[in-house]
């Protein structure tokens, strides 16, 4: 956030995978870029 507060939007730390879902129920595998 502009205030410098960091939060996790989606995915679970240390848990790679491929799952669509909401927030931390979703899974990614080494996301490299965002837009």
ModelCIF file with pLDDT and N, C-alpha, C, O atoms, coordinates in Angstrom:
data_MODEL
#
_entry.id   MODEL 
#
_entity.id                         1 
_entity.type                       polymer 
_entity.pdbx_number_of_molecules   1 
#
_entity_poly.entity_id                      1 
_entity_poly.type                           'polypeptide(L)' 
_entity_poly.nstd_linkage                   no 
_entity_poly.nstd_monomer                   no 
_entity_poly.pdbx_seq_one_letter_code       
;(UNK)(UNK)(UNK)(UNK)(UNK)(UNK)(UNK)(UNK)(UNK)(UNK)(UNK)(UNK)(UNK)(UNK)(UNK)(UNK)
(UNK)(UNK)(UNK)(UNK)(UNK)(UNK)(UNK)(UNK)(UNK)(UNK)(UNK)(UNK)(UNK)(UNK)(UNK)(UNK)
(UNK)(UNK)(UNK)
;
_entity_poly.pdbx_seq_one_letter_code_can   XXXXXXXXXXXXXXXXXXXXXXXXXXXXXXXXXXX 
_entity_poly.pdbx_strand_id                 A 
#
loop_
_entity_poly_seq.entity_id 
_entity_poly_seq.num 
_entity_poly_seq.mon_id 
_entity_poly_seq.hetero 
1 1  UNK n 
1 2  UNK n 
1 3  UNK n 
1 4  UNK n 
1 5  UNK n 
1 6  UNK n 
1 7  UNK n 
1 8  UNK n 
1 9  UNK n 
1 10 UNK n 
1 11 UNK n 
1 12 UNK n 
1 13 UNK n 
1 14 UNK n 
1 15 UNK n 
1 16 UNK n 
1 17 UNK n 
1 18 UNK n 
1 19 UNK n 
1 20 UNK n 
1 21 UNK n 
1 22 UNK n 
1 23 UNK n 
1 24 UNK n 
1 25 UNK n 
1 26 UNK n 
1 27 UNK n 
1 28 UNK n 
1 29 UNK n 
1 30 UNK n 
1 31 UNK n 
1 32 UNK n 
1 33 UNK n 
1 34 UNK n 
1 35 UNK n 
#
_struct_asym.id          A 
_struct_asym.entity_id   1 
#
loop_
_ma_qa_metric.id 
_ma_qa_metric.mode 
_ma_qa_metric.name 
_ma_qa_metric.software_group_id 
_ma_qa_metric.type 
1 global pLDDT . pLDDT 
2 local  pLDDT . pLDDT 
#
_ma_qa_metric_global.metric_id      1 
_ma_qa_metric_global.metric_value   96.97 
_ma_qa_metric_global.model_id       1 
_ma_qa_metric_global.ordinal_id     1 
#
loop_
_ma_qa_metric_local.label_asym_id 
_ma_qa_metric_local.label_comp_id 
_ma_qa_metric_local.label_seq_id 
_ma_qa_metric_local.metric_id 
_ma_qa_metric_local.metric_value 
_ma_qa_metric_local.model_id 
_ma_qa_metric_local.ordinal_id 
A UNK 1  2 96.00 1 1  
A UNK 2  2 93.00 1 2  
A UNK 3  2 92.00 1 3  
A UNK 4  2 94.00 1 4  
A UNK 5  2 97.00 1 5  
A UNK 6  2 98.00 1 6  
A UNK 7  2 98.00 1 7  
A UNK 8  2 98.00 1 8  
A UNK 9  2 98.00 1 9  
A UNK 10 2 98.00 1 10 
A UNK 11 2 98.00 1 11 
A UNK 12 2 97.00 1 12 
A UNK 13 2 97.00 1 13 
A UNK 14 2 96.00 1 14 
A UNK 15 2 97.00 1 15 
A UNK 16 2 98.00 1 16 
A UNK 17 2 97.00 1 17 
A UNK 18 2 97.00 1 18 
A UNK 19 2 97.00 1 19 
A UNK 20 2 97.00 1 20 
A UNK 21 2 97.00 1 21 
A UNK 22 2 98.00 1 22 
A UNK 23 2 97.00 1 23 
A UNK 24 2 96.00 1 24 
A UNK 25 2 97.00 1 25 
A UNK 26 2 98.00 1 26 
A UNK 27 2 98.00 1 27 
A UNK 28 2 98.00 1 28 
A UNK 29 2 98.00 1 29 
A UNK 30 2 97.00 1 30 
A UNK 31 2 98.00 1 31 
A UNK 32 2 97.00 1 32 
A UNK 33 2 96.00 1 33 
A UNK 34 2 98.00 1 34 
A UNK 35 2 98.00 1 35 
#
loop_
_atom_site.group_PDB 
_atom_site.id 
_atom_site.type_symbol 
_atom_site.label_atom_id 
_atom_site.label_alt_id 
_atom_site.label_comp_id 
_atom_site.label_asym_id 
_atom_site.label_entity_id 
_atom_site.label_seq_id 
_atom_site.pdbx_PDB_ins_code 
_atom_site.Cartn_x 
_atom_site.Cartn_y 
_atom_site.Cartn_z 
_atom_site.occupancy 
_atom_site.B_iso_or_equiv 
_atom_site.pdbx_formal_charge 
_atom_site.auth_seq_id 
_atom_site.auth_comp_id 
_atom_site.auth_asym_id 
_atom_site.auth_atom_id 
_atom_site.pdbx_PDB_model_num 
ATOM 1   N N  . UNK A 1 1  ? 0.843  -1.188  0.000   1.00 96.00 ? 1  UNK A N  1 
ATOM 2   C CA . UNK A 1 1  ? 0.000  0.000   0.000   1.00 96.00 ? 1  UNK A CA 1 
ATOM 3   C C  . UNK A 1 1  ? 0.885  1.249   0.000   1.00 96.00 ? 1  UNK A C  1 
ATOM 4   O O  . UNK A 1 1  ? 2.057  1.164   0.367   1.00 96.00 ? 1  UNK A O  1 
ATOM 5   N N  . UNK A 1 2  ? 0.357  2.386   -0.397  1.00 93.00 ? 2  UNK A N  1 
ATOM 6   C CA . UNK A 1 2  ? 1.153  3.623   -0.363  1.00 93.00 ? 2  UNK A CA 1 
ATOM 7   C C  . UNK A 1 2  ? 1.765  3.909   1.007   1.00 93.00 ? 2  UNK A C  1 
ATOM 8   O O  . UNK A 1 2  ? 2.788  4.586   1.101   1.00 93.00 ? 2  UNK A O  1 
ATOM 9   N N  . UNK A 1 3  ? 1.146  3.397   2.064   1.00 92.00 ? 3  UNK A N  1 
ATOM 10  C CA . UNK A 1 3  ? 1.666  3.588   3.417   1.00 92.00 ? 3  UNK A CA 1 
ATOM 11  C C  . UNK A 1 3  ? 2.867  2.699   3.709   1.00 92.00 ? 3  UNK A C  1 
ATOM 12  O O  . UNK A 1 3  ? 3.535  2.873   4.728   1.00 92.00 ? 3  UNK A O  1 
ATOM 13  N N  . UNK A 1 4  ? 3.152  1.726   2.800   1.00 94.00 ? 4  UNK A N  1 
ATOM 14  C CA . UNK A 1 4  ? 4.254  0.795   3.013   1.00 94.00 ? 4  UNK A CA 1 
ATOM 15  C C  . UNK A 1 4  ? 3.839  -0.512  3.646   1.00 94.00 ? 4  UNK A C  1 
ATOM 16  O O  . UNK A 1 4  ? 4.689  -1.353  3.940   1.00 94.00 ? 4  UNK A O  1 
ATOM 17  N N  . UNK A 1 5  ? 2.533  -0.706  3.864   1.00 97.00 ? 5  UNK A N  1 
ATOM 18  C CA . UNK A 1 5  ? 2.035  -1.941  4.460   1.00 97.00 ? 5  UNK A CA 1 
ATOM 19  C C  . UNK A 1 5  ? 1.964  -3.036  3.400   1.00 97.00 ? 5  UNK A C  1 
ATOM 20  O O  . UNK A 1 5  ? 1.369  -2.845  2.339   1.00 97.00 ? 5  UNK A O  1 
ATOM 21  N N  . UNK A 1 6  ? 2.574  -4.183  3.694   1.00 98.00 ? 6  UNK A N  1 
ATOM 22  C CA . UNK A 1 6  ? 2.638  -5.310  2.762   1.00 98.00 ? 6  UNK A CA 1 
ATOM 23  C C  . UNK A 1 6  ? 1.635  -6.373  3.174   1.00 98.00 ? 6  UNK A C  1 
ATOM 24  O O  . UNK A 1 6  ? 1.557  -6.745  4.345   1.00 98.00 ? 6  UNK A O  1 
ATOM 25  N N  . UNK A 1 7  ? 0.859  -6.865  2.196   1.00 98.00 ? 7  UNK A N  1 
ATOM 26  C CA . UNK A 1 7  ? -0.077 -7.954  2.452   1.00 98.00 ? 7  UNK A CA 1 
ATOM 27  C C  . UNK A 1 7  ? 0.026  -8.964  1.320   1.00 98.00 ? 7  UNK A C  1 
ATOM 28  O O  . UNK A 1 7  ? 0.520  -8.649  0.237   1.00 98.00 ? 7  UNK A O  1 
ATOM 29  N N  . UNK A 1 8  ? -0.441 -10.174 1.576   1.00 98.00 ? 8  UNK A N  1 
ATOM 30  C CA . UNK A 1 8  ? -0.457 -11.224 0.549   1.00 98.00 ? 8  UNK A CA 1 
ATOM 31  C C  . UNK A 1 8  ? -1.828 -11.243 -0.103  1.00 98.00 ? 8  UNK A C  1 
ATOM 32  O O  . UNK A 1 8  ? -2.839 -11.487 0.556   1.00 98.00 ? 8  UNK A O  1 
ATOM 33  N N  . UNK A 1 9  ? -1.853 -10.983 -1.408  1.00 98.00 ? 9  UNK A N  1 
ATOM 34  C CA . UNK A 1 9  ? -3.118 -10.891 -2.134  1.00 98.00 ? 9  UNK A CA 1 
ATOM 35  C C  . UNK A 1 9  ? -3.620 -12.262 -2.541  1.00 98.00 ? 9  UNK A C  1 
ATOM 36  O O  . UNK A 1 9  ? -4.806 -12.563 -2.398  1.00 98.00 ? 9  UNK A O  1 
ATOM 37  N N  . UNK A 1 10 ? -2.719 -13.098 -3.050  1.00 98.00 ? 10 UNK A N  1 
ATOM 38  C CA . UNK A 1 10 ? -3.132 -14.413 -3.552  1.00 98.00 ? 10 UNK A CA 1 
ATOM 39  C C  . UNK A 1 10 ? -1.961 -15.379 -3.488  1.00 98.00 ? 10 UNK A C  1 
ATOM 40  O O  . UNK A 1 10 ? -0.797 -14.989 -3.581  1.00 98.00 ? 10 UNK A O  1 
ATOM 41  N N  . UNK A 1 11 ? -2.307 -16.667 -3.325  1.00 98.00 ? 11 UNK A N  1 
ATOM 42  C CA . UNK A 1 11 ? -1.296 -17.705 -3.191  1.00 98.00 ? 11 UNK A CA 1 
ATOM 43  C C  . UNK A 1 11 ? -0.923 -17.927 -1.736  1.00 98.00 ? 11 UNK A C  1 
ATOM 44  O O  . UNK A 1 11 ? -1.268 -17.135 -0.858  1.00 98.00 ? 11 UNK A O  1 
ATOM 45  N N  . UNK A 1 12 ? -0.214 -19.015 -1.501  1.00 97.00 ? 12 UNK A N  1 
ATOM 46  C CA . UNK A 1 12 ? 0.227  -19.366 -0.147  1.00 97.00 ? 12 UNK A CA 1 
ATOM 47  C C  . UNK A 1 12 ? 1.742  -19.516 -0.147  1.00 97.00 ? 12 UNK A C  1 
ATOM 48  O O  . UNK A 1 12 ? 2.296  -20.237 -0.976  1.00 97.00 ? 12 UNK A O  1 
ATOM 49  N N  . UNK A 1 13 ? 2.408  -18.841 0.774   1.00 97.00 ? 13 UNK A N  1 
ATOM 50  C CA . UNK A 1 13 ? 3.864  -18.843 0.828   1.00 97.00 ? 13 UNK A CA 1 
ATOM 51  C C  . UNK A 1 13 ? 4.416  -20.253 0.962   1.00 97.00 ? 13 UNK A C  1 
ATOM 52  O O  . UNK A 1 13 ? 4.010  -21.011 1.843   1.00 97.00 ? 13 UNK A O  1 
ATOM 53  N N  . UNK A 1 14 ? 5.347  -20.595 0.079   1.00 96.00 ? 14 UNK A N  1 
ATOM 54  C CA . UNK A 1 14 ? 6.008  -21.893 0.142   1.00 96.00 ? 14 UNK A CA 1 
ATOM 55  C C  . UNK A 1 14 ? 5.195  -23.040 -0.407  1.00 96.00 ? 14 UNK A C  1 
ATOM 56  O O  . UNK A 1 14 ? 5.599  -24.197 -0.284  1.00 96.00 ? 14 UNK A O  1 
ATOM 57  N N  . UNK A 1 15 ? 4.041  -22.743 -1.018  1.00 97.00 ? 15 UNK A N  1 
ATOM 58  C CA . UNK A 1 15 ? 3.174  -23.802 -1.537  1.00 97.00 ? 15 UNK A CA 1 
ATOM 59  C C  . UNK A 1 15 ? 2.934  -23.577 -3.035  1.00 97.00 ? 15 UNK A C  1 
ATOM 60  O O  . UNK A 1 15 ? 1.974  -22.902 -3.405  1.00 97.00 ? 15 UNK A O  1 
ATOM 61  N N  . UNK A 1 16 ? 3.785  -24.127 -3.893  1.00 98.00 ? 16 UNK A N  1 
ATOM 62  C CA . UNK A 1 16 ? 3.568  -23.972 -5.335  1.00 98.00 ? 16 UNK A CA 1 
ATOM 63  C C  . UNK A 1 16 ? 2.429  -24.866 -5.811  1.00 98.00 ? 16 UNK A C  1 
ATOM 64  O O  . UNK A 1 16 ? 2.097  -25.865 -5.174  1.00 98.00 ? 16 UNK A O  1 
ATOM 65  N N  . UNK A 1 17 ? 1.844  -24.494 -6.928  1.00 97.00 ? 17 UNK A N  1 
ATOM 66  C CA . UNK A 1 17 ? 0.784  -25.322 -7.495  1.00 97.00 ? 17 UNK A CA 1 
ATOM 67  C C  . UNK A 1 17 ? 0.026  -24.570 -8.563  1.00 97.00 ? 17 UNK A C  1 
ATOM 68  O O  . UNK A 1 17 ? 0.446  -23.506 -9.017  1.00 97.00 ? 17 UNK A O  1 
ATOM 69  N N  . UNK A 1 18 ? -1.083 -25.133 -8.951  1.00 97.00 ? 18 UNK A N  1 
ATOM 70  C CA . UNK A 1 18 ? -1.953 -24.486 -9.936  1.00 97.00 ? 18 UNK A CA 1 
ATOM 71  C C  . UNK A 1 18 ? -3.396 -24.686 -9.495  1.00 97.00 ? 18 UNK A C  1 
ATOM 72  O O  . UNK A 1 18 ? -3.993 -25.736 -9.733  1.00 97.00 ? 18 UNK A O  1 
ATOM 73  N N  . UNK A 1 19 ? -3.947 -23.656 -8.846  1.00 97.00 ? 19 UNK A N  1 
ATOM 74  C CA . UNK A 1 19 ? -5.331 -23.699 -8.378  1.00 97.00 ? 19 UNK A CA 1 
ATOM 75  C C  . UNK A 1 19 ? -5.927 -22.309 -8.545  1.00 97.00 ? 19 UNK A C  1 
ATOM 76  O O  . UNK A 1 19 ? -5.362 -21.330 -8.059  1.00 97.00 ? 19 UNK A O  1 
ATOM 77  N N  . UNK A 1 20 ? -7.060 -22.216 -9.225  1.00 97.00 ? 20 UNK A N  1 
ATOM 78  C CA . UNK A 1 20 ? -7.822 -20.968 -9.232  1.00 97.00 ? 20 UNK A CA 1 
ATOM 79  C C  . UNK A 1 20 ? -8.631 -20.905 -7.940  1.00 97.00 ? 20 UNK A C  1 
ATOM 80  O O  . UNK A 1 20 ? -9.007 -21.934 -7.379  1.00 97.00 ? 20 UNK A O  1 
ATOM 81  N N  . UNK A 1 21 ? -8.890 -19.705 -7.484  1.00 97.00 ? 21 UNK A N  1 
ATOM 82  C CA . UNK A 1 21 ? -9.628 -19.557 -6.239  1.00 97.00 ? 21 UNK A CA 1 
ATOM 83  C C  . UNK A 1 21 ? -9.581 -18.120 -5.776  1.00 97.00 ? 21 UNK A C  1 
ATOM 84  O O  . UNK A 1 21 ? -9.263 -17.221 -6.553  1.00 97.00 ? 21 UNK A O  1 
ATOM 85  N N  . UNK A 1 22 ? -9.893 -17.902 -4.523  1.00 98.00 ? 22 UNK A N  1 
ATOM 86  C CA . UNK A 1 22 ? -9.913 -16.553 -3.958  1.00 98.00 ? 22 UNK A CA 1 
ATOM 87  C C  . UNK A 1 22 ? -8.791 -16.403 -2.946  1.00 98.00 ? 22 UNK A C  1 
ATOM 88  O O  . UNK A 1 22 ? -8.645 -17.220 -2.036  1.00 98.00 ? 22 UNK A O  1 
ATOM 89  N N  . UNK A 1 23 ? -8.011 -15.367 -3.111  1.00 97.00 ? 23 UNK A N  1 
ATOM 90  C CA . UNK A 1 23 ? -6.961 -15.038 -2.149  1.00 97.00 ? 23 UNK A CA 1 
ATOM 91  C C  . UNK A 1 23 ? -5.962 -16.162 -1.929  1.00 97.00 ? 23 UNK A C  1 
ATOM 92  O O  . UNK A 1 23 ? -5.376 -16.675 -2.882  1.00 97.00 ? 23 UNK A O  1 
ATOM 93  N N  . UNK A 1 24 ? -5.770 -16.539 -0.682  1.00 96.00 ? 24 UNK A N  1 
ATOM 94  C CA . UNK A 1 24 ? -4.751 -17.530 -0.331  1.00 96.00 ? 24 UNK A CA 1 
ATOM 95  C C  . UNK A 1 24 ? -5.147 -18.960 -0.680  1.00 96.00 ? 24 UNK A C  1 
ATOM 96  O O  . UNK A 1 24 ? -4.354 -19.878 -0.473  1.00 96.00 ? 24 UNK A O  1 
ATOM 97  N N  . UNK A 1 25 ? -6.350 -19.171 -1.202  1.00 97.00 ? 25 UNK A N  1 
ATOM 98  C CA . UNK A 1 25 ? -6.704 -20.523 -1.655  1.00 97.00 ? 25 UNK A CA 1 
ATOM 99  C C  . UNK A 1 25 ? -6.165 -20.794 -3.063  1.00 97.00 ? 25 UNK A C  1 
ATOM 100 O O  . UNK A 1 25 ? -6.086 -21.947 -3.487  1.00 97.00 ? 25 UNK A O  1 
ATOM 101 N N  . UNK A 1 26 ? -5.803 -19.754 -3.771  1.00 98.00 ? 26 UNK A N  1 
ATOM 102 C CA . UNK A 1 26 ? -5.231 -19.922 -5.110  1.00 98.00 ? 26 UNK A CA 1 
ATOM 103 C C  . UNK A 1 26 ? -3.777 -20.364 -4.994  1.00 98.00 ? 26 UNK A C  1 
ATOM 104 O O  . UNK A 1 26 ? -3.141 -20.182 -3.956  1.00 98.00 ? 26 UNK A O  1 
ATOM 105 N N  . UNK A 1 27 ? -3.259 -20.949 -6.077  1.00 98.00 ? 27 UNK A N  1 
ATOM 106 C CA . UNK A 1 27 ? -1.866 -21.395 -6.090  1.00 98.00 ? 27 UNK A CA 1 
ATOM 107 C C  . UNK A 1 27 ? -1.195 -20.949 -7.388  1.00 98.00 ? 27 UNK A C  1 
ATOM 108 O O  . UNK A 1 27 ? -1.791 -20.965 -8.464  1.00 98.00 ? 27 UNK A O  1 
ATOM 109 N N  . UNK A 1 28 ? 0.071  -20.549 -7.242  1.00 98.00 ? 28 UNK A N  1 
ATOM 110 C CA . UNK A 1 28 ? 0.925  -20.180 -8.364  1.00 98.00 ? 28 UNK A CA 1 
ATOM 111 C C  . UNK A 1 28 ? 2.223  -20.978 -8.263  1.00 98.00 ? 28 UNK A C  1 
ATOM 112 O O  . UNK A 1 28 ? 2.533  -21.555 -7.220  1.00 98.00 ? 28 UNK A O  1 
ATOM 113 N N  . UNK A 1 29 ? 2.968  -21.001 -9.351  1.00 98.00 ? 29 UNK A N  1 
ATOM 114 C CA . UNK A 1 29 ? 4.277  -21.655 -9.349  1.00 98.00 ? 29 UNK A CA 1 
ATOM 115 C C  . UNK A 1 29 ? 5.300  -20.694 -9.957  1.00 98.00 ? 29 UNK A C  1 
ATOM 116 O O  . UNK A 1 29 ? 5.411  -20.564 -11.176 1.00 98.00 ? 29 UNK A O  1 
ATOM 117 N N  . UNK A 1 30 ? 6.029  -20.037 -9.091  1.00 97.00 ? 30 UNK A N  1 
ATOM 118 C CA . UNK A 1 30 ? 7.054  -19.069 -9.476  1.00 97.00 ? 30 UNK A CA 1 
ATOM 119 C C  . UNK A 1 30 ? 6.515  -17.979 -10.408 1.00 97.00 ? 30 UNK A C  1 
ATOM 120 O O  . UNK A 1 30 ? 6.880  -17.923 -11.583 1.00 97.00 ? 30 UNK A O  1 
ATOM 121 N N  . UNK A 1 31 ? 5.662  -17.132 -9.887  1.00 98.00 ? 31 UNK A N  1 
ATOM 122 C CA . UNK A 1 31 ? 5.225  -15.989 -10.693 1.00 98.00 ? 31 UNK A CA 1 
ATOM 123 C C  . UNK A 1 31 ? 6.382  -15.010 -10.892 1.00 98.00 ? 31 UNK A C  1 
ATOM 124 O O  . UNK A 1 31 ? 7.030  -14.598 -9.930  1.00 98.00 ? 31 UNK A O  1 
ATOM 125 N N  . UNK A 1 32 ? 6.634  -14.643 -12.148 1.00 97.00 ? 32 UNK A N  1 
ATOM 126 C CA . UNK A 1 32 ? 7.775  -13.789 -12.465 1.00 97.00 ? 32 UNK A CA 1 
ATOM 127 C C  . UNK A 1 32 ? 7.398  -12.334 -12.718 1.00 97.00 ? 32 UNK A C  1 
ATOM 128 O O  . UNK A 1 32 ? 8.208  -11.441 -12.471 1.00 97.00 ? 32 UNK A O  1 
ATOM 129 N N  . UNK A 1 33 ? 6.183  -12.076 -13.208 1.00 96.00 ? 33 UNK A N  1 
ATOM 130 C CA . UNK A 1 33 ? 5.840  -10.710 -13.581 1.00 96.00 ? 33 UNK A CA 1 
ATOM 131 C C  . UNK A 1 33 ? 4.392  -10.393 -13.313 1.00 96.00 ? 33 UNK A C  1 
ATOM 132 O O  . UNK A 1 33 ? 3.555  -11.288 -13.191 1.00 96.00 ? 33 UNK A O  1 
ATOM 133 N N  . UNK A 1 34 ? 4.101  -9.099  -13.222 1.00 98.00 ? 34 UNK A N  1 
ATOM 134 C CA . UNK A 1 34 ? 2.739  -8.627  -12.995 1.00 98.00 ? 34 UNK A CA 1 
ATOM 135 C C  . UNK A 1 34 ? 2.493  -7.365  -13.823 1.00 98.00 ? 34 UNK A C  1 
ATOM 136 O O  . UNK A 1 34 ? 3.422  -6.631  -14.159 1.00 98.00 ? 34 UNK A O  1 
ATOM 137 N N  . UNK A 1 35 ? 1.228  -7.135  -14.139 1.00 98.00 ? 35 UNK A N  1 
ATOM 138 C CA . UNK A 1 35 ? 0.792  -5.898  -14.784 1.00 98.00 ? 35 UNK A CA 1 
ATOM 139 C C  . UNK A 1 35 ? -0.607 -5.592  -14.275 1.00 98.00 ? 35 UNK A C  1 
ATOM 140 O O  . UNK A 1 35 ? -1.203 -4.590  -14.671 1.00 98.00 ? 35 UNK A O  1 
#
